[in-house]
Amino acid sequence: METRAKLKYVRITPRKVRRVTDVIKGKKAGDAMISLDFLPHRGSRIVSKVLKSAMANAEQKKVADPESMKISQVFVDQGPTMKRMSPRAMGRADVIRKRTCHITILLEE
């Protein structure tokens, strides 16, 4: 049995989150929580929230011990991009892209 947790429309770029999720892929949930606590990246705090939610979902379903479950898959998909304009010289403008992402974590027994 597998459990999942999703966090959508997170205001961080998918590239920054993927470098964190690559560290925890395939680990046990308890070990992944410990390694996320010691990572210096901002995305690690966000991913740890999603992992805690997936563990709580597993506990709610009474599937297995959430600490011993294995992270089978982690998806980081790109969400919608907010576009903002920044004024430049001689009447021009630059586009500032504020990217968002969707994070999905799947836990297996």
PDB file of N, CA and C in Angstrom:
ATOM      1  N   MET A   1       0.852  -1.187   0.000  1.00  0.00           N
ATOM      2  CA  MET A   1       0.000   0.000   0.000  1.00  0.00           C
ATOM      3  C   MET A   1       0.884   1.233   0.000  1.00  0.00           C
ATOM      4  N   GLU A   2       0.459   2.222  -0.724  1.00  0.00           N
ATOM      5  CA  GLU A   2       1.246   3.451  -0.768  1.00  0.00           C
ATOM      6  C   GLU A   2       0.396   4.632  -0.314  1.00  0.00           C
ATOM      7  N   THR A   3       1.082   5.612   0.221  1.00  0.00           N
ATOM      8  CA  THR A   3       0.421   6.859   0.604  1.00  0.00           C
ATOM      9  C   THR A   3       1.135   8.005  -0.091  1.00  0.00           C
ATOM     10  N   ARG A   4       0.405   9.085  -0.259  1.00  0.00           N
ATOM     11  CA  ARG A   4       0.986  10.225  -0.964  1.00  0.00           C
ATOM     12  C   ARG A   4       0.616  11.519  -0.285  1.00  0.00           C
ATOM     13  N   ALA A   5       1.422  12.538  -0.562  1.00  0.00           N
ATOM     14  CA  ALA A   5       1.131  13.887  -0.089  1.00  0.00           C
ATOM     15  C   ALA A   5       1.539  14.855  -1.185  1.00  0.00           C
ATOM     16  N   LYS A   6       0.714  15.881  -1.398  1.00  0.00           N
ATOM     17  CA  LYS A   6       0.976  16.879  -2.436  1.00  0.00           C
ATOM     18  C   LYS A   6       0.997  18.267  -1.821  1.00  0.00           C
ATOM     19  N   LEU A   7       1.876  19.089  -2.343  1.00  0.00           N
ATOM     20  CA  LEU A   7       1.883  20.509  -2.005  1.00  0.00           C
ATOM     21  C   LEU A   7       1.949  21.255  -3.322  1.00  0.00           C
ATOM     22  N   LYS A   8       0.948  22.081  -3.566  1.00  0.00           N
ATOM     23  CA  LYS A   8       0.854  22.739  -4.864  1.00  0.00           C
ATOM     24  C   LYS A   8       1.064  24.242  -4.735  1.00  0.00           C
ATOM     25  N   TYR A   9       1.514  24.833  -5.822  1.00  0.00           N
ATOM     26  CA  TYR A   9       1.711  26.281  -5.960  1.00  0.00           C
ATOM     27  C   TYR A   9       2.701  26.832  -4.936  1.00  0.00           C
ATOM     28  N   VAL A  10       3.820  26.141  -4.756  1.00  0.00           N
ATOM     29  CA  VAL A  10       4.855  26.592  -3.829  1.00  0.00           C
ATOM     30  C   VAL A  10       5.694  27.642  -4.530  1.00  0.00           C
ATOM     31  N   ARG A  11       5.962  28.759  -3.861  1.00  0.00           N
ATOM     32  CA  ARG A  11       6.684  29.868  -4.487  1.00  0.00           C
ATOM     33  C   ARG A  11       8.200  29.663  -4.397  1.00  0.00           C
ATOM     34  N   ILE A  12       8.688  28.626  -5.067  1.00  0.00           N
ATOM     35  CA  ILE A  12      10.111  28.352  -5.191  1.00  0.00           C
ATOM     36  C   ILE A  12      10.292  27.645  -6.536  1.00  0.00           C
ATOM     37  N   THR A  13      11.433  27.828  -7.163  1.00  0.00           N
ATOM     38  CA  THR A  13      11.629  27.238  -8.484  1.00  0.00           C
ATOM     39  C   THR A  13      11.802  25.722  -8.370  1.00  0.00           C
ATOM     40  N   PRO A  14      11.353  24.986  -9.375  1.00  0.00           N
ATOM     41  CA  PRO A  14      11.478  23.528  -9.333  1.00  0.00           C
ATOM     42  C   PRO A  14      12.937  23.054  -9.274  1.00  0.00           C
ATOM     43  N   ARG A  15      13.848  23.770  -9.902  1.00  0.00           N
ATOM     44  CA  ARG A  15      15.262  23.368  -9.891  1.00  0.00           C
ATOM     45  C   ARG A  15      15.829  23.360  -8.477  1.00  0.00           C
ATOM     46  N   LYS A  16      15.447  24.340  -7.692  1.00  0.00           N
ATOM     47  CA  LYS A  16      15.962  24.432  -6.318  1.00  0.00           C
ATOM     48  C   LYS A  16      15.410  23.323  -5.435  1.00  0.00           C
ATOM     49  N   VAL A  17      14.191  22.891  -5.719  1.00  0.00           N
ATOM     50  CA  VAL A  17      13.592  21.821  -4.924  1.00  0.00           C
ATOM     51  C   VAL A  17      14.134  20.463  -5.361  1.00  0.00           C
ATOM     52  N   ARG A  18      14.400  20.295  -6.662  1.00  0.00           N
ATOM     53  CA  ARG A  18      14.887  19.011  -7.168  1.00  0.00           C
ATOM     54  C   ARG A  18      16.240  18.639  -6.583  1.00  0.00           C
ATOM     55  N   ARG A  19      17.096  19.628  -6.313  1.00  0.00           N
ATOM     56  CA  ARG A  19      18.402  19.289  -5.737  1.00  0.00           C
ATOM     57  C   ARG A  19      18.253  18.771  -4.311  1.00  0.00           C
ATOM     58  N   VAL A  20      17.165  19.106  -3.652  1.00  0.00           N
ATOM     59  CA  VAL A  20      16.893  18.572  -2.318  1.00  0.00           C
ATOM     60  C   VAL A  20      16.259  17.188  -2.414  1.00  0.00           C
ATOM     61  N   THR A  21      15.315  17.022  -3.343  1.00  0.00           N
ATOM     62  CA  THR A  21      14.612  15.743  -3.443  1.00  0.00           C
ATOM     63  C   THR A  21      15.507  14.628  -3.965  1.00  0.00           C
ATOM     64  N   ASP A  22      16.535  14.966  -4.728  1.00  0.00           N
ATOM     65  CA  ASP A  22      17.468  13.945  -5.206  1.00  0.00           C
ATOM     66  C   ASP A  22      18.236  13.309  -4.046  1.00  0.00           C
ATOM     67  N   VAL A  23      18.401  14.042  -2.958  1.00  0.00           N
ATOM     68  CA  VAL A  23      19.122  13.531  -1.790  1.00  0.00           C
ATOM     69  C   VAL A  23      18.299  12.467  -1.059  1.00  0.00           C
ATOM     70  N   ILE A  24      16.969  12.639  -1.002  1.00  0.00           N
ATOM     71  CA  ILE A  24      16.143  11.752  -0.172  1.00  0.00           C
ATOM     72  C   ILE A  24      15.470  10.619  -0.933  1.00  0.00           C
ATOM     73  N   LYS A  25      15.597  10.563  -2.254  1.00  0.00           N
ATOM     74  CA  LYS A  25      14.953   9.500  -3.029  1.00  0.00           C
ATOM     75  C   LYS A  25      15.466   8.142  -2.606  1.00  0.00           C
ATOM     76  N   GLY A  26      14.555   7.212  -2.363  1.00  0.00           N
ATOM     77  CA  GLY A  26      14.929   5.843  -2.031  1.00  0.00           C
ATOM     78  C   GLY A  26      15.260   5.603  -0.568  1.00  0.00           C
ATOM     79  N   LYS A  27      15.307   6.638   0.262  1.00  0.00           N
ATOM     80  CA  LYS A  27      15.621   6.471   1.683  1.00  0.00           C
ATOM     81  C   LYS A  27      14.368   6.122   2.469  1.00  0.00           C
ATOM     82  N   LYS A  28      14.570   5.670   3.690  1.00  0.00           N
ATOM     83  CA  LYS A  28      13.444   5.487   4.603  1.00  0.00           C
ATOM     84  C   LYS A  28      13.002   6.864   5.080  1.00  0.00           C
ATOM     85  N   ALA A  29      11.743   6.968   5.450  1.00  0.00           N
ATOM     86  CA  ALA A  29      11.168   8.271   5.792  1.00  0.00           C
ATOM     87  C   ALA A  29      11.852   8.887   7.014  1.00  0.00           C
ATOM     88  N   GLY A  30      12.166   8.082   8.008  1.00  0.00           N
ATOM     89  CA  GLY A  30      12.826   8.599   9.199  1.00  0.00           C
ATOM     90  C   GLY A  30      14.223   9.119   8.898  1.00  0.00           C
ATOM     91  N   ASP A  31      14.975   8.373   8.071  1.00  0.00           N
ATOM     92  CA  ASP A  31      16.319   8.810   7.696  1.00  0.00           C
ATOM     93  C   ASP A  31      16.275  10.070   6.832  1.00  0.00           C
ATOM     94  N   ALA A  32      15.269  10.156   5.983  1.00  0.00           N
ATOM     95  CA  ALA A  32      15.129  11.327   5.118  1.00  0.00           C
ATOM     96  C   ALA A  32      14.820  12.575   5.937  1.00  0.00           C
ATOM     97  N   MET A  33      14.002  12.437   6.992  1.00  0.00           N
ATOM     98  CA  MET A  33      13.696  13.594   7.845  1.00  0.00           C
ATOM     99  C   MET A  33      14.964  14.115   8.523  1.00  0.00           C
ATOM    100  N   ILE A  34      15.823  13.198   8.962  1.00  0.00           N
ATOM    101  CA  ILE A  34      17.069  13.609   9.620  1.00  0.00           C
ATOM    102  C   ILE A  34      17.983  14.324   8.640  1.00  0.00           C
ATOM    103  N   SER A  35      18.106  13.776   7.428  1.00  0.00           N
ATOM    104  CA  SER A  35      18.992  14.411   6.447  1.00  0.00           C
ATOM    105  C   SER A  35      18.439  15.756   5.972  1.00  0.00           C
ATOM    106  N   LEU A  36      17.109  15.906   5.924  1.00  0.00           N
ATOM    107  CA  LEU A  36      16.524  17.193   5.531  1.00  0.00           C
ATOM    108  C   LEU A  36      16.775  18.267   6.579  1.00  0.00           C
ATOM    109  N   ASP A  37      16.849  17.871   7.846  1.00  0.00           N
ATOM    110  CA  ASP A  37      17.093  18.853   8.903  1.00  0.00           C
ATOM    111  C   ASP A  37      18.470  19.497   8.778  1.00  0.00           C
ATOM    112  N   PHE A  38      19.423  18.771   8.194  1.00  0.00           N
ATOM    113  CA  PHE A  38      20.787  19.273   8.130  1.00  0.00           C
ATOM    114  C   PHE A  38      21.161  19.876   6.784  1.00  0.00           C
ATOM    115  N   LEU A  39      20.242  19.889   5.832  1.00  0.00           N
ATOM    116  CA  LEU A  39      20.536  20.519   4.546  1.00  0.00           C
ATOM    117  C   LEU A  39      20.362  22.033   4.653  1.00  0.00           C
ATOM    118  N   PRO A  40      21.258  22.819   4.056  1.00  0.00           N
ATOM    119  CA  PRO A  40      21.179  24.270   4.201  1.00  0.00           C
ATOM    120  C   PRO A  40      20.213  24.951   3.240  1.00  0.00           C
ATOM    121  N   HIS A  41      19.601  24.201   2.333  1.00  0.00           N
ATOM    122  CA  HIS A  41      18.765  24.812   1.309  1.00  0.00           C
ATOM    123  C   HIS A  41      17.383  25.163   1.843  1.00  0.00           C
ATOM    124  N   ARG A  42      16.778  26.204   1.246  1.00  0.00           N
ATOM    125  CA  ARG A  42      15.441  26.626   1.651  1.00  0.00           C
ATOM    126  C   ARG A  42      14.397  25.573   1.284  1.00  0.00           C
ATOM    127  N   GLY A  43      14.630  24.863   0.194  1.00  0.00           N
ATOM    128  CA  GLY A  43      13.698  23.839  -0.256  1.00  0.00           C
ATOM    129  C   GLY A  43      13.595  22.670   0.698  1.00  0.00           C
ATOM    130  N   SER A  44      14.610  22.470   1.535  1.00  0.00           N
ATOM    131  CA  SER A  44      14.572  21.332   2.455  1.00  0.00           C
ATOM    132  C   SER A  44      13.479  21.496   3.503  1.00  0.00           C
ATOM    133  N   ARG A  45      13.207  22.715   3.921  1.00  0.00           N
ATOM    134  CA  ARG A  45      12.129  22.946   4.892  1.00  0.00           C
ATOM    135  C   ARG A  45      10.767  22.642   4.268  1.00  0.00           C
ATOM    136  N   ILE A  46      10.620  23.010   3.008  1.00  0.00           N
ATOM    137  CA  ILE A  46       9.354  22.780   2.313  1.00  0.00           C
ATOM    138  C   ILE A  46       9.137  21.287   2.082  1.00  0.00           C
ATOM    139  N   VAL A  47      10.191  20.592   1.641  1.00  0.00           N
ATOM    140  CA  VAL A  47      10.086  19.156   1.369  1.00  0.00           C
ATOM    141  C   VAL A  47       9.838  18.384   2.662  1.00  0.00           C
ATOM    142  N   SER A  48      10.422  18.845   3.769  1.00  0.00           N
ATOM    143  CA  SER A  48      10.195  18.148   5.038  1.00  0.00           C
ATOM    144  C   SER A  48       8.740  18.278   5.483  1.00  0.00           C
ATOM    145  N   LYS A  49       8.097  19.403   5.184  1.00  0.00           N
ATOM    146  CA  LYS A  49       6.677  19.552   5.496  1.00  0.00           C
ATOM    147  C   LYS A  49       5.826  18.557   4.706  1.00  0.00           C
ATOM    148  N   VAL A  50       6.159  18.380   3.429  1.00  0.00           N
ATOM    149  CA  VAL A  50       5.407  17.446   2.598  1.00  0.00           C
ATOM    150  C   VAL A  50       5.645  16.015   3.069  1.00  0.00           C
ATOM    151  N   LEU A  51       6.887  15.708   3.460  1.00  0.00           N
ATOM    152  CA  LEU A  51       7.209  14.367   3.951  1.00  0.00           C
ATOM    153  C   LEU A  51       6.487  14.080   5.267  1.00  0.00           C
ATOM    154  N   LYS A  52       6.417  15.066   6.154  1.00  0.00           N
ATOM    155  CA  LYS A  52       5.661  14.896   7.405  1.00  0.00           C
ATOM    156  C   LYS A  52       4.186  14.635   7.113  1.00  0.00           C
ATOM    157  N   SER A  53       3.651  15.322   6.104  1.00  0.00           N
ATOM    158  CA  SER A  53       2.258  15.133   5.728  1.00  0.00           C
ATOM    159  C   SER A  53       2.026  13.732   5.181  1.00  0.00           C
ATOM    160  N   ALA A  54       2.960  13.230   4.373  1.00  0.00           N
ATOM    161  CA  ALA A  54       2.831  11.875   3.831  1.00  0.00           C
ATOM    162  C   ALA A  54       2.911  10.840   4.947  1.00  0.00           C
ATOM    163  N   MET A  55       3.778  11.077   5.932  1.00  0.00           N
ATOM    164  CA  MET A  55       3.891  10.164   7.067  1.00  0.00           C
ATOM    165  C   MET A  55       2.616  10.187   7.910  1.00  0.00           C
ATOM    166  N   ALA A  56       2.034  11.375   8.070  1.00  0.00           N
ATOM    167  CA  ALA A  56       0.783  11.489   8.820  1.00  0.00           C
ATOM    168  C   ALA A  56      -0.356  10.805   8.071  1.00  0.00           C
ATOM    169  N   ASN A  57      -0.350  10.877   6.737  1.00  0.00           N
ATOM    170  CA  ASN A  57      -1.370  10.187   5.944  1.00  0.00           C
ATOM    171  C   ASN A  57      -1.256   8.675   6.113  1.00  0.00           C
ATOM    172  N   ALA A  58      -0.012   8.184   6.168  1.00  0.00           N
ATOM    173  CA  ALA A  58       0.199   6.745   6.356  1.00  0.00           C
ATOM    174  C   ALA A  58      -0.276   6.307   7.739  1.00  0.00           C
ATOM    175  N   GLU A  59      -0.053   7.147   8.734  1.00  0.00           N
ATOM    176  CA  GLU A  59      -0.496   6.832  10.090  1.00  0.00           C
ATOM    177  C   GLU A  59      -2.013   6.857  10.176  1.00  0.00           C
ATOM    178  N   GLN A  60      -2.620   7.793   9.461  1.00  0.00           N
ATOM    179  CA  GLN A  60      -4.081   7.912   9.458  1.00  0.00           C
ATOM    180  C   GLN A  60      -4.735   6.694   8.807  1.00  0.00           C
ATOM    181  N   LYS A  61      -4.119   6.215   7.715  1.00  0.00           N
ATOM    182  CA  LYS A  61      -4.651   5.034   7.025  1.00  0.00           C
ATOM    183  C   LYS A  61      -4.315   3.735   7.738  1.00  0.00           C
ATOM    184  N   LYS A  62      -3.432   3.821   8.727  1.00  0.00           N
ATOM    185  CA  LYS A  62      -2.953   2.653   9.476  1.00  0.00           C
ATOM    186  C   LYS A  62      -2.345   1.619   8.532  1.00  0.00           C
ATOM    187  N   VAL A  63      -1.529   2.093   7.598  1.00  0.00           N
ATOM    188  CA  VAL A  63      -0.882   1.225   6.619  1.00  0.00           C
ATOM    189  C   VAL A  63       0.283   0.495   7.255  1.00  0.00           C
ATOM    190  N   ALA A  64       1.234   1.236   7.780  1.00  0.00           N
ATOM    191  CA  ALA A  64       2.428   0.659   8.384  1.00  0.00           C
ATOM    192  C   ALA A  64       3.053   1.712   9.295  1.00  0.00           C
ATOM    193  N   ASP A  65       4.199   1.381   9.869  1.00  0.00           N
ATOM    194  CA  ASP A  65       4.934   2.344  10.673  1.00  0.00           C
ATOM    195  C   ASP A  65       5.497   3.416   9.731  1.00  0.00           C
ATOM    196  N   PRO A  66       5.092   4.683   9.886  1.00  0.00           N
ATOM    197  CA  PRO A  66       5.527   5.721   8.946  1.00  0.00           C
ATOM    198  C   PRO A  66       7.048   5.927   8.915  1.00  0.00           C
ATOM    199  N   GLU A  67       7.719   5.706  10.050  1.00  0.00           N
ATOM    200  CA  GLU A  67       9.174   5.903  10.100  1.00  0.00           C
ATOM    201  C   GLU A  67       9.906   4.903   9.215  1.00  0.00           C
ATOM    202  N   SER A  68       9.373   3.693   9.107  1.00  0.00           N
ATOM    203  CA  SER A  68      10.070   2.644   8.358  1.00  0.00           C
ATOM    204  C   SER A  68       9.657   2.587   6.895  1.00  0.00           C
ATOM    205  N   MET A  69       8.689   3.396   6.475  1.00  0.00           N
ATOM    206  CA  MET A  69       8.269   3.385   5.079  1.00  0.00           C
ATOM    207  C   MET A  69       9.343   4.008   4.197  1.00  0.00           C
ATOM    208  N   LYS A  70       9.403   3.550   2.959  1.00  0.00           N
ATOM    209  CA  LYS A  70      10.427   3.988   2.018  1.00  0.00           C
ATOM    210  C   LYS A  70       9.839   5.009   1.061  1.00  0.00           C
ATOM    211  N   ILE A  71      10.630   6.024   0.710  1.00  0.00           N
ATOM    212  CA  ILE A  71      10.192   7.018  -0.272  1.00  0.00           C
ATOM    213  C   ILE A  71      10.389   6.402  -1.652  1.00  0.00           C
ATOM    214  N   SER A  72       9.287   6.038  -2.300  1.00  0.00           N
ATOM    215  CA  SER A  72       9.398   5.366  -3.592  1.00  0.00           C
ATOM    216  C   SER A  72       9.594   6.364  -4.732  1.00  0.00           C
ATOM    217  N   GLN A  73       8.820   7.440  -4.719  1.00  0.00           N
ATOM    218  CA  GLN A  73       8.923   8.431  -5.789  1.00  0.00           C
ATOM    219  C   GLN A  73       8.723   9.823  -5.235  1.00  0.00           C
ATOM    220  N   VAL A  74       9.413  10.784  -5.860  1.00  0.00           N
ATOM    221  CA  VAL A  74       9.242  12.199  -5.541  1.00  0.00           C
ATOM    222  C   VAL A  74       9.117  12.940  -6.864  1.00  0.00           C
ATOM    223  N   PHE A  75       8.022  13.662  -7.043  1.00  0.00           N
ATOM    224  CA  PHE A  75       7.812  14.456  -8.249  1.00  0.00           C
ATOM    225  C   PHE A  75       7.917  15.929  -7.894  1.00  0.00           C
ATOM    226  N   VAL A  76       8.621  16.672  -8.715  1.00  0.00           N
ATOM    227  CA  VAL A  76       8.625  18.132  -8.600  1.00  0.00           C
ATOM    228  C   VAL A  76       8.281  18.662  -9.980  1.00  0.00           C
ATOM    229  N   ASP A  77       7.041  19.083 -10.147  1.00  0.00           N
ATOM    230  CA  ASP A  77       6.561  19.574 -11.428  1.00  0.00           C
ATOM    231  C   ASP A  77       6.476  21.089 -11.397  1.00  0.00           C
ATOM    232  N   GLN A  78       6.590  21.687 -12.573  1.00  0.00           N
ATOM    233  CA  GLN A  78       6.510  23.135 -12.648  1.00  0.00           C
ATOM    234  C   GLN A  78       5.062  23.583 -12.595  1.00  0.00           C
ATOM    235  N   GLY A  79       4.809  24.612 -11.802  1.00  0.00           N
ATOM    236  CA  GLY A  79       3.480  25.187 -11.707  1.00  0.00           C
ATOM    237  C   GLY A  79       3.385  26.429 -12.585  1.00  0.00           C
ATOM    238  N   PRO A  80       2.354  27.214 -12.388  1.00  0.00           N
ATOM    239  CA  PRO A  80       2.222  28.437 -13.184  1.00  0.00           C
ATOM    240  C   PRO A  80       3.285  29.466 -12.806  1.00  0.00           C
ATOM    241  N   THR A  81       3.674  30.259 -13.789  1.00  0.00           N
ATOM    242  CA  THR A  81       4.695  31.277 -13.581  1.00  0.00           C
ATOM    243  C   THR A  81       4.025  32.648 -13.524  1.00  0.00           C
ATOM    244  N   MET A  82       4.305  33.393 -12.455  1.00  0.00           N
ATOM    245  CA  MET A  82       3.803  34.758 -12.358  1.00  0.00           C
ATOM    246  C   MET A  82       4.783  35.667 -13.086  1.00  0.00           C
ATOM    247  N   LYS A  83       4.271  36.539 -13.934  1.00  0.00           N
ATOM    248  CA  LYS A  83       5.135  37.427 -14.694  1.00  0.00           C
ATOM    249  C   LYS A  83       4.986  38.849 -14.179  1.00  0.00           C
ATOM    250  N   ARG A  84       6.113  39.465 -13.870  1.00  0.00           N
ATOM    251  CA  ARG A  84       6.142  40.842 -13.386  1.00  0.00           C
ATOM    252  C   ARG A  84       7.049  41.653 -14.291  1.00  0.00           C
ATOM    253  N   MET A  85       6.794  42.946 -14.408  1.00  0.00           N
ATOM    254  CA  MET A  85       7.601  43.808 -15.271  1.00  0.00           C
ATOM    255  C   MET A  85       8.519  44.678 -14.421  1.00  0.00           C
ATOM    256  N   SER A  86       9.749  44.823 -14.903  1.00  0.00           N
ATOM    257  CA  SER A  86      10.721  45.685 -14.242  1.00  0.00           C
ATOM    258  C   SER A  86      11.152  46.753 -15.238  1.00  0.00           C
ATOM    259  N   PRO A  87      11.016  48.039 -14.893  1.00  0.00           N
ATOM    260  CA  PRO A  87      11.375  49.090 -15.843  1.00  0.00           C
ATOM    261  C   PRO A  87      12.883  49.141 -16.100  1.00  0.00           C
ATOM    262  N   ARG A  88      13.240  49.392 -17.355  1.00  0.00           N
ATOM    263  CA  ARG A  88      14.637  49.499 -17.764  1.00  0.00           C
ATOM    264  C   ARG A  88      14.840  50.846 -18.456  1.00  0.00           C
ATOM    265  N   ALA A  89      16.019  51.058 -18.949  1.00  0.00           N
ATOM    266  CA  ALA A  89      16.356  52.337 -19.571  1.00  0.00           C
ATOM    267  C   ALA A  89      15.635  52.513 -20.908  1.00  0.00           C
ATOM    268  N   MET A  90      15.429  53.754 -21.287  1.00  0.00           N
ATOM    269  CA  MET A  90      14.862  54.171 -22.571  1.00  0.00           C
ATOM    270  C   MET A  90      13.477  53.573 -22.821  1.00  0.00           C
ATOM    271  N   GLY A  91      12.662  53.476 -21.764  1.00  0.00           N
ATOM    272  CA  GLY A  91      11.274  53.058 -21.917  1.00  0.00           C
ATOM    273  C   GLY A  91      11.065  51.574 -22.104  1.00  0.00           C
ATOM    274  N   ARG A  92      12.099  50.779 -21.962  1.00  0.00           N
ATOM    275  CA  ARG A  92      11.954  49.334 -22.112  1.00  0.00           C
ATOM    276  C   ARG A  92      11.560  48.703 -20.791  1.00  0.00           C
ATOM    277  N   ALA A  93      11.282  47.386 -20.858  1.00  0.00           N
ATOM    278  CA  ALA A  93      10.915  46.662 -19.638  1.00  0.00           C
ATOM    279  C   ALA A  93      11.448  45.237 -19.731  1.00  0.00           C
ATOM    280  N   ASP A  94      11.853  44.695 -18.601  1.00  0.00           N
ATOM    281  CA  ASP A  94      12.271  43.301 -18.507  1.00  0.00           C
ATOM    282  C   ASP A  94      11.167  42.513 -17.813  1.00  0.00           C
ATOM    283  N   VAL A  95      11.054  41.243 -18.191  1.00  0.00           N
ATOM    284  CA  VAL A  95      10.079  40.358 -17.562  1.00  0.00           C
ATOM    285  C   VAL A  95      10.779  39.602 -16.440  1.00  0.00           C
ATOM    286  N   ILE A  96      10.212  39.679 -15.253  1.00  0.00           N
ATOM    287  CA  ILE A  96      10.702  38.893 -14.118  1.00  0.00           C
ATOM    288  C   ILE A  96       9.738  37.731 -13.946  1.00  0.00           C
ATOM    289  N   ARG A  97      10.278  36.499 -14.027  1.00  0.00           N
ATOM    290  CA  ARG A  97       9.443  35.308 -13.902  1.00  0.00           C
ATOM    291  C   ARG A  97       9.538  34.761 -12.487  1.00  0.00           C
ATOM    292  N   LYS A  98       8.423  34.746 -11.790  1.00  0.00           N
ATOM    293  CA  LYS A  98       8.375  34.181 -10.441  1.00  0.00           C
ATOM    294  C   LYS A  98       7.754  32.795 -10.572  1.00  0.00           C
ATOM    295  N   ARG A  99       8.600  31.774 -10.500  1.00  0.00           N
ATOM    296  CA  ARG A  99       8.176  30.414 -10.795  1.00  0.00           C
ATOM    297  C   ARG A  99       7.600  29.725  -9.559  1.00  0.00           C
ATOM    298  N   THR A 100       6.672  28.812  -9.803  1.00  0.00           N
ATOM    299  CA  THR A 100       6.091  28.010  -8.741  1.00  0.00           C
ATOM    300  C   THR A 100       6.259  26.532  -9.104  1.00  0.00           C
ATOM    301  N   CYS A 101       6.031  25.654  -8.119  1.00  0.00           N
ATOM    302  CA  CYS A 101       6.152  24.222  -8.386  1.00  0.00           C
ATOM    303  C   CYS A 101       5.146  23.443  -7.552  1.00  0.00           C
ATOM    304  N   HIS A 102       4.928  22.188  -7.965  1.00  0.00           N
ATOM    305  CA  HIS A 102       4.081  21.242  -7.253  1.00  0.00           C
ATOM    306  C   HIS A 102       4.972  20.088  -6.797  1.00  0.00           C
ATOM    307  N   ILE A 103       4.906  19.738  -5.511  1.00  0.00           N
ATOM    308  CA  ILE A 103       5.736  18.669  -4.958  1.00  0.00           C
ATOM    309  C   ILE A 103       4.826  17.517  -4.556  1.00  0.00           C
ATOM    310  N   THR A 104       5.169  16.293  -4.993  1.00  0.00           N
ATOM    311  CA  THR A 104       4.427  15.087  -4.640  1.00  0.00           C
ATOM    312  C   THR A 104       5.394  14.055  -4.095  1.00  0.00           C
ATOM    313  N   ILE A 105       5.064  13.456  -2.947  1.00  0.00           N
ATOM    314  CA  ILE A 105       5.900  12.402  -2.355  1.00  0.00           C
ATOM    315  C   ILE A 105       5.041  11.152  -2.180  1.00  0.00           C
ATOM    316  N   LEU A 106       5.572  10.005  -2.647  1.00  0.00           N
ATOM    317  CA  LEU A 106       4.911   8.715  -2.496  1.00  0.00           C
ATOM    318  C   LEU A 106       5.716   7.844  -1.557  1.00  0.00           C
ATOM    319  N   LEU A 107       5.032   7.285  -0.535  1.00  0.00           N
ATOM    320  CA  LEU A 107       5.690   6.370   0.420  1.00  0.00           C
ATOM    321  C   LEU A 107       5.161   4.966   0.202  1.00  0.00           C
ATOM    322  N   GLU A 108       6.081   3.975   0.295  1.00  0.00           N
ATOM    323  CA  GLU A 108       5.718   2.580   0.163  1.00  0.00           C
ATOM    324  C   GLU A 108       6.172   1.802   1.396  1.00  0.00           C
ATOM    325  N   GLU A 109       5.545   0.652   1.613  1.00  0.00           N
ATOM    326  CA  GLU A 109       5.965  -0.208   2.719  1.00  0.00           C
ATOM    327  C   GLU A 109       7.285  -0.884   2.387  1.00  0.00           C
TER     328      GLU A 109
END
